[in-house]
């Protein structure tokens, strides 16, 4: 698929054409519109809330490259496989990639053939990636930080390498920054904004109501059995 085919298209058109959905979930459209408008954005959405579309759709509309910083190799692989199956040129660069494939992916980025590249926080600040992103032919339009709570020592999965993202981000003044996480504490939000250097960010907090899950608590009758269980209603 030609990478410029969606440039100038509406988010709704991309949502339907590429991903097959007729409408957005809660907050997705607001996040996408802010990113497209060049506004740094912090979005707190529950697991399963559709965070990936919030950067994938702008990435297809932007005339340039979207860099996604992700701490999970398995997530990178799944996301890239899904995008490739939809005809979108996306790649991931990490230690699990064979050197020949790594080189081919870097060349694809330099030639403007790749719309989205997934990079680990450890790899983002390496000289190899730094040189790649500063190539004259590479136009970094968006930097997305997935699992952004990792930048906070109050987060449940603190990653020191996330602290280097702000210095990399400052090198791309014209790139919009999107931070995504499912951790919603006030302290973590403040840390994310400060440590990533977000500039006057729009902060969007989604509902964490999960109608398909409920909790029930009953008096304990047997010490060997738990008294709190999580239930999922039977599927229709």
Protein backbone atom coordinates (compact mmCIF):
# COMPACT_ATOMS: atom_id res chain seq x y z
CA UNK A 1 0.00 0.00 0.00
CA UNK A 2 1.27 3.49 -0.89
CA UNK A 3 2.20 5.20 2.38
CA UNK A 4 0.83 8.55 1.21
CA UNK A 5 -2.60 7.18 0.35
CA UNK A 6 -4.12 8.34 3.66
CA UNK A 7 -2.42 11.73 3.91
CA UNK A 8 -5.17 14.34 4.19
CA UNK A 9 -7.87 11.74 4.89
CA UNK A 10 -10.14 12.00 7.93
CA UNK A 11 -9.63 9.77 10.97
CA UNK A 12 -13.03 8.21 10.28
CA UNK A 13 -11.98 7.23 6.76
CA UNK A 14 -8.79 5.59 8.02
CA UNK A 15 -10.65 3.86 10.85
CA UNK A 16 -13.07 2.26 8.40
CA UNK A 17 -10.73 1.58 5.50
CA UNK A 18 -7.78 0.14 7.39
CA UNK A 19 -9.20 -1.20 10.63
CA UNK A 20 -12.78 -1.98 9.62
CA UNK A 21 -14.52 -0.10 12.45
CA UNK A 22 -17.51 2.20 11.97
CA UNK A 23 -17.06 4.34 15.08
CA UNK A 24 -14.50 5.31 17.71
CA UNK A 25 -14.45 4.20 21.33
CA UNK A 26 -14.56 6.63 24.22
CA UNK A 27 -11.87 9.35 23.91
CA UNK A 28 -10.16 7.84 20.85
CA UNK A 29 -11.32 10.59 18.50
CA UNK A 30 -10.42 13.37 20.97
CA UNK A 31 -6.91 11.97 21.37
CA UNK A 32 -6.43 11.54 17.63
CA UNK A 33 -7.65 15.06 16.85
CA UNK A 34 -5.28 16.57 19.43
CA UNK A 35 -2.34 14.64 18.03
CA UNK A 36 -3.21 15.69 14.47
CA UNK A 37 -3.40 19.29 15.68
CA UNK A 38 0.15 19.01 17.01
CA UNK A 39 -0.80 19.18 20.69
CA UNK A 40 1.21 17.13 23.18
CA UNK A 41 -1.23 14.72 24.77
CA UNK A 42 -1.33 12.48 27.83
CA UNK A 43 -4.07 9.87 27.61
CA UNK A 44 -5.00 7.51 30.41
CA UNK A 45 -7.03 4.61 29.10
CA UNK A 46 -7.77 1.18 30.57
CA UNK A 47 -6.25 -1.97 29.16
CA UNK A 48 -8.30 -2.94 26.14
CA UNK A 49 -9.46 0.65 25.59
CA UNK A 50 -7.94 0.91 22.13
CA UNK A 51 -4.79 2.92 22.82
CA UNK A 52 -2.93 1.72 19.73
CA UNK A 53 -5.38 3.31 17.28
CA UNK A 54 -4.73 6.68 18.93
CA UNK A 55 -1.28 6.82 17.34
CA UNK A 56 -1.69 4.43 14.42
CA UNK A 57 -4.40 6.51 12.74
CA UNK A 58 -2.47 9.83 13.01
CA UNK A 59 0.63 7.98 11.78
CA UNK A 60 -1.16 7.05 8.56
CA UNK A 61 -2.45 10.59 8.06
CA UNK A 62 0.86 12.32 8.85
CA UNK A 63 3.33 12.84 6.03
CA UNK A 64 6.27 11.44 7.97
CA UNK A 65 7.39 8.88 10.53
CA UNK A 66 5.82 7.97 13.86
CA UNK A 67 8.19 6.57 16.49
CA UNK A 68 6.58 4.37 19.13
CA UNK A 69 8.59 3.70 22.28
CA UNK A 70 7.42 0.44 23.82
CA UNK A 71 8.95 -1.68 26.61
CA UNK A 72 7.50 -4.99 25.42
CA UNK A 73 9.00 -6.94 22.52
CA UNK A 74 5.95 -9.19 22.25
CA UNK A 75 3.69 -6.14 21.94
CA UNK A 76 5.88 -4.69 19.19
CA UNK A 77 5.75 -7.95 17.27
CA UNK A 78 1.97 -8.25 17.57
CA UNK A 79 1.34 -4.64 16.57
CA UNK A 80 3.65 -4.81 13.55
CA UNK A 81 2.19 -8.13 12.40
CA UNK A 82 -1.33 -6.68 12.59
CA UNK A 83 -0.36 -3.51 10.69
CA UNK A 84 1.54 -5.45 8.04
CA UNK A 85 -1.48 -7.71 7.54
CA UNK A 86 -3.54 -4.57 6.91
CA UNK A 87 -1.07 -3.43 4.26
CA UNK A 88 0.68 -0.83 6.44
CA UNK A 89 4.48 -0.71 6.38
CA UNK A 90 5.52 -0.83 10.05
CA UNK A 91 8.67 -2.27 11.58
CA UNK A 92 10.23 -2.84 15.01
CA UNK A 93 13.88 -2.45 15.91
CA UNK A 94 15.17 -4.32 18.94
CA UNK A 95 17.62 -7.00 19.99
CA UNK A 96 15.38 -9.81 18.77
CA UNK A 97 15.70 -8.73 15.12
CA UNK A 98 18.29 -10.43 12.90
CA UNK A 99 20.92 -7.99 11.65
CA UNK A 100 19.97 -8.33 7.97
CA UNK A 101 16.31 -7.64 8.76
CA UNK A 102 17.39 -4.75 11.00
CA UNK A 103 19.36 -3.19 8.14
CA UNK A 104 16.48 -3.64 5.71
CA UNK A 105 14.11 -1.96 8.17
CA UNK A 106 16.44 1.00 8.63
CA UNK A 107 16.73 1.40 4.87
CA UNK A 108 12.96 1.30 4.56
CA UNK A 109 12.72 4.13 7.11
CA UNK A 110 15.33 6.21 5.30
CA UNK A 111 13.48 5.78 2.02
CA UNK A 112 10.21 6.94 3.54
CA UNK A 113 8.54 3.58 3.01
CA UNK A 114 7.80 3.00 6.71
CA UNK A 115 5.04 4.85 8.57
CA UNK A 116 5.57 3.47 12.09
CA UNK A 117 8.68 2.19 13.83
CA UNK A 118 8.55 0.56 17.27
CA UNK A 119 11.68 0.99 19.39
CA UNK A 120 12.51 -0.07 22.94
CA UNK A 121 13.42 2.66 25.45
CA UNK A 122 16.87 1.09 25.75
CA UNK A 123 17.38 1.33 22.00
CA UNK A 124 16.01 4.84 21.48
CA UNK A 125 19.11 6.67 22.71
CA UNK A 126 21.68 4.44 21.00
CA UNK A 127 23.93 6.04 18.37
CA UNK A 128 22.54 3.75 15.66
CA UNK A 129 18.92 4.83 16.23
CA UNK A 130 19.98 8.44 16.79
CA UNK A 131 21.73 8.53 13.43
CA UNK A 132 18.75 6.86 11.76
CA UNK A 133 16.19 9.34 13.08
CA UNK A 134 18.44 12.27 12.15
CA UNK A 135 18.89 11.08 8.58
CA UNK A 136 18.13 13.95 6.16
CA UNK A 137 15.35 11.95 4.51
CA UNK A 138 13.59 11.04 7.79
CA UNK A 139 10.83 13.34 9.00
CA UNK A 140 9.80 12.45 12.56
CA UNK A 141 6.24 13.73 12.99
CA UNK A 142 5.13 11.98 16.18
CA UNK A 143 6.80 10.36 19.17
CA UNK A 144 4.49 8.05 21.07
CA UNK A 145 5.39 6.65 24.48
CA UNK A 146 3.42 3.54 25.30
CA UNK A 147 3.25 2.33 28.91
CA UNK A 148 4.27 5.87 29.88
CA UNK A 149 3.90 5.12 33.59
CA UNK A 150 7.35 3.50 33.30
CA UNK A 151 8.80 7.02 33.45
CA UNK A 152 7.58 7.40 37.03
CA UNK A 153 9.17 5.81 40.08
CA UNK A 154 5.61 5.62 41.40
CA UNK A 155 4.59 3.50 38.43
CA UNK A 156 4.39 -0.26 38.82
CA UNK A 157 7.06 -0.95 36.18
CA UNK A 158 9.67 1.81 36.42
CA UNK A 159 12.23 1.68 33.59
CA UNK A 160 15.26 3.99 34.02
CA UNK A 161 15.81 4.18 30.25
CA UNK A 162 12.48 5.99 29.93
CA UNK A 163 14.18 8.97 31.57
CA UNK A 164 16.24 9.47 28.40
CA UNK A 165 13.19 9.95 26.18
CA UNK A 166 12.84 13.65 26.97
CA UNK A 167 16.36 14.40 25.72
CA UNK A 168 15.64 12.58 22.46
CA UNK A 169 12.29 14.28 22.11
CA UNK A 170 13.91 17.74 22.46
CA UNK A 171 15.89 17.00 19.32
CA UNK A 172 12.67 16.90 17.30
CA UNK A 173 10.98 20.17 18.15
CA UNK A 174 8.36 19.82 15.42
CA UNK A 175 7.21 16.36 16.47
CA UNK A 176 4.08 16.02 18.55
CA UNK A 177 4.32 13.80 21.64
CA UNK A 178 1.65 11.33 22.77
CA UNK A 179 1.99 9.52 26.12
CA UNK A 180 -0.28 6.56 26.82
CA UNK A 181 -0.81 4.57 29.99
CA UNK A 182 -3.42 2.71 31.97
CA UNK A 183 -2.06 4.03 35.28
CA UNK A 184 -4.17 6.99 36.41
CA UNK A 185 -2.80 8.24 39.74
CA UNK A 186 -2.27 11.97 40.04
CA UNK A 187 1.40 11.58 40.98
CA UNK A 188 2.15 9.36 38.00
CA UNK A 189 0.47 11.83 35.65
CA UNK A 190 2.60 14.67 37.03
CA UNK A 191 5.76 12.59 36.65
CA UNK A 192 4.92 11.70 33.06
CA UNK A 193 4.37 15.33 32.08
CA UNK A 194 7.56 16.47 33.81
CA UNK A 195 9.90 13.63 32.91
CA UNK A 196 8.86 13.44 29.27
CA UNK A 197 8.97 17.21 28.86
CA UNK A 198 5.43 17.45 27.53
CA UNK A 199 4.63 21.03 26.53
CA UNK A 200 1.25 22.32 27.78
CA UNK A 201 -0.24 18.87 27.24
CA UNK A 202 -3.87 18.03 26.86
CA UNK A 203 -4.66 15.44 29.56
CA UNK A 204 -7.48 13.04 28.76
CA UNK A 205 -8.73 10.53 31.31
CA UNK A 206 -11.00 7.75 30.09
CA UNK A 207 -13.56 5.88 32.13
CA UNK A 208 -12.30 2.77 33.85
CA UNK A 209 -15.75 1.26 34.07
CA UNK A 210 -15.58 -2.29 32.72
CA UNK A 211 -19.19 -3.45 32.33
CA UNK A 212 -18.06 -6.97 31.41
CA UNK A 213 -16.34 -7.42 34.81
CA UNK A 214 -17.77 -7.18 38.33
CA UNK A 215 -16.61 -7.99 41.84
CA UNK A 216 -18.49 -9.82 44.54
CA UNK A 217 -17.51 -10.15 48.20
CA UNK A 218 -19.02 -12.80 50.47
CA UNK A 219 -18.44 -13.75 54.12
CA UNK A 220 -15.61 -16.21 54.54
CA UNK A 221 -16.75 -19.71 55.45
CA UNK A 222 -13.59 -21.67 54.78
CA UNK A 223 -10.12 -20.27 55.47
CA UNK A 224 -8.72 -22.22 52.51
CA UNK A 225 -10.96 -20.46 50.00
CA UNK A 226 -10.76 -16.84 48.82
CA UNK A 227 -13.65 -14.56 49.77
CA UNK A 228 -13.31 -12.17 46.83
CA UNK A 229 -13.67 -13.22 43.24
CA UNK A 230 -13.74 -11.49 39.89
CA UNK A 231 -16.49 -12.56 37.55
CA UNK A 232 -17.09 -12.15 33.86
CA UNK A 233 -20.70 -12.53 32.74
CA UNK A 234 -21.47 -15.46 30.50
CA UNK A 235 -21.01 -14.72 26.81
CA UNK A 236 -24.16 -14.39 24.79
